Amino acid sequence: MAPMHRLLSKAGADRVSEGAAEELRRVLEEVAINLGREASILAGHAGRKTVRAEDIRLAAKRIIRE
């Protein structure tokens, strides 16, 4: 859980509960799985089995629209 506490602290939180750190871990895992799935599809469309950094970047742009 230490990495979750660090991330929340870097985001500006003064104190972080264990529940908040655990929830962040759960949410990030879900997002990472969806991102990996999308990147795998993109690699497949490019005729590759290997997921590359550019697949992750493009998948992130498609999934996380900011």
C-alpha atoms as a PDB file:
ATOM      1  CA  MET A   1       0.000   0.000   0.000  1.00  0.00           C
ATOM      2  CA  ALA A   2       2.987   2.319   0.348  1.00  0.00           C
ATOM      3  CA  PRO A   3       2.958   3.230  -3.377  1.00  0.00           C
ATOM      4  CA  MET A   4      -0.708   4.255  -3.098  1.00  0.00           C
ATOM      5  CA  HIS A   5       0.067   6.435  -0.083  1.00  0.00           C
ATOM      6  CA  ARG A   6       2.953   8.011  -2.029  1.00  0.00           C
ATOM      7  CA  LEU A   7       0.762   8.721  -5.056  1.00  0.00           C
ATOM      8  CA  LEU A   8      -1.914  10.368  -2.964  1.00  0.00           C
ATOM      9  CA  SER A   9       0.702  12.382  -1.081  1.00  0.00           C
ATOM     10  CA  LYS A  10       2.216  13.566  -4.380  1.00  0.00           C
ATOM     11  CA  ALA A  11      -1.304  14.595  -5.407  1.00  0.00           C
ATOM     12  CA  GLY A  12      -1.434  16.864  -2.377  1.00  0.00           C
ATOM     13  CA  ALA A  13      -3.052  14.782   0.380  1.00  0.00           C
ATOM     14  CA  ASP A  14      -1.691  15.553   3.847  1.00  0.00           C
ATOM     15  CA  ARG A  15      -2.934  12.292   5.324  1.00  0.00           C
ATOM     16  CA  VAL A  16      -4.216   9.121   3.631  1.00  0.00           C
ATOM     17  CA  SER A  17      -6.387   6.444   5.217  1.00  0.00           C
ATOM     18  CA  GLU A  18      -5.812   2.754   4.549  1.00  0.00           C
ATOM     19  CA  GLY A  19      -9.277   2.614   2.990  1.00  0.00           C
ATOM     20  CA  ALA A  20      -8.408   5.389   0.544  1.00  0.00           C
ATOM     21  CA  ALA A  21      -5.129   3.718  -0.404  1.00  0.00           C
ATOM     22  CA  GLU A  22      -6.889   0.370  -0.942  1.00  0.00           C
ATOM     23  CA  GLU A  23      -9.630   1.968  -3.052  1.00  0.00           C
ATOM     24  CA  LEU A  24      -7.032   3.744  -5.196  1.00  0.00           C
ATOM     25  CA  ARG A  25      -5.265   0.400  -5.716  1.00  0.00           C
ATOM     26  CA  ARG A  26      -8.530  -1.247  -6.768  1.00  0.00           C
ATOM     27  CA  VAL A  27      -9.448   1.554  -9.173  1.00  0.00           C
ATOM     28  CA  LEU A  28      -5.965   1.750 -10.705  1.00  0.00           C
ATOM     29  CA  GLU A  29      -5.934  -2.007 -11.236  1.00  0.00           C
ATOM     30  CA  GLU A  30      -9.269  -1.821 -13.061  1.00  0.00           C
ATOM     31  CA  VAL A  31      -8.050   1.053 -15.238  1.00  0.00           C
ATOM     32  CA  ALA A  32      -4.768  -0.787 -15.978  1.00  0.00           C
ATOM     33  CA  ILE A  33      -6.634  -3.930 -17.050  1.00  0.00           C
ATOM     34  CA  ASN A  34      -8.871  -1.928 -19.389  1.00  0.00           C
ATOM     35  CA  LEU A  35      -5.864  -0.049 -20.746  1.00  0.00           C
ATOM     36  CA  GLY A  36      -3.963  -3.290 -21.350  1.00  0.00           C
ATOM     37  CA  ARG A  37      -6.949  -4.838 -23.090  1.00  0.00           C
ATOM     38  CA  GLU A  38      -7.268  -1.827 -25.413  1.00  0.00           C
ATOM     39  CA  ALA A  39      -3.503  -1.791 -26.089  1.00  0.00           C
ATOM     40  CA  SER A  40      -3.609  -5.491 -26.933  1.00  0.00           C
ATOM     41  CA  ILE A  41      -6.408  -4.866 -29.430  1.00  0.00           C
ATOM     42  CA  LEU A  42      -4.405  -2.033 -31.014  1.00  0.00           C
ATOM     43  CA  ALA A  43      -1.325  -4.253 -31.315  1.00  0.00           C
ATOM     44  CA  GLY A  44      -3.465  -6.943 -32.941  1.00  0.00           C
ATOM     45  CA  HIS A  45      -4.831  -4.445 -35.467  1.00  0.00           C
ATOM     46  CA  ALA A  46      -1.229  -3.563 -36.317  1.00  0.00           C
ATOM     47  CA  GLY A  47      -0.525  -7.254 -36.972  1.00  0.00           C
ATOM     48  CA  ARG A  48       1.583  -7.703 -33.838  1.00  0.00           C
ATOM     49  CA  LYS A  49       1.341  -9.933 -30.787  1.00  0.00           C
ATOM     50  CA  THR A  50       3.687  -7.698 -28.810  1.00  0.00           C
ATOM     51  CA  VAL A  51       2.191  -4.676 -27.052  1.00  0.00           C
ATOM     52  CA  ARG A  52       4.493  -1.686 -27.466  1.00  0.00           C
ATOM     53  CA  ALA A  53       4.770   1.617 -25.625  1.00  0.00           C
ATOM     54  CA  GLU A  54       2.954   3.415 -28.426  1.00  0.00           C
ATOM     55  CA  ASP A  55      -0.002   1.021 -28.032  1.00  0.00           C
ATOM     56  CA  ILE A  56      -0.225   1.961 -24.356  1.00  0.00           C
ATOM     57  CA  ARG A  57      -0.026   5.691 -25.174  1.00  0.00           C
ATOM     58  CA  LEU A  58      -2.725   5.450 -27.838  1.00  0.00           C
ATOM     59  CA  ALA A  59      -4.947   3.288 -25.625  1.00  0.00           C
ATOM     60  CA  ALA A  60      -4.552   5.809 -22.800  1.00  0.00           C
ATOM     61  CA  LYS A  61      -5.628   8.639 -25.103  1.00  0.00           C
ATOM     62  CA  ARG A  62      -8.690   6.631 -26.121  1.00  0.00           C
ATOM     63  CA  ILE A  63      -9.650   5.570 -22.602  1.00  0.00           C
ATOM     64  CA  ILE A  64      -8.606   8.559 -20.506  1.00  0.00           C
ATOM     65  CA  ARG A  65      -9.944  11.602 -22.282  1.00  0.00           C
ATOM     66  CA  GLU A  66      -8.683  14.781 -20.619  1.00  0.00           C
END
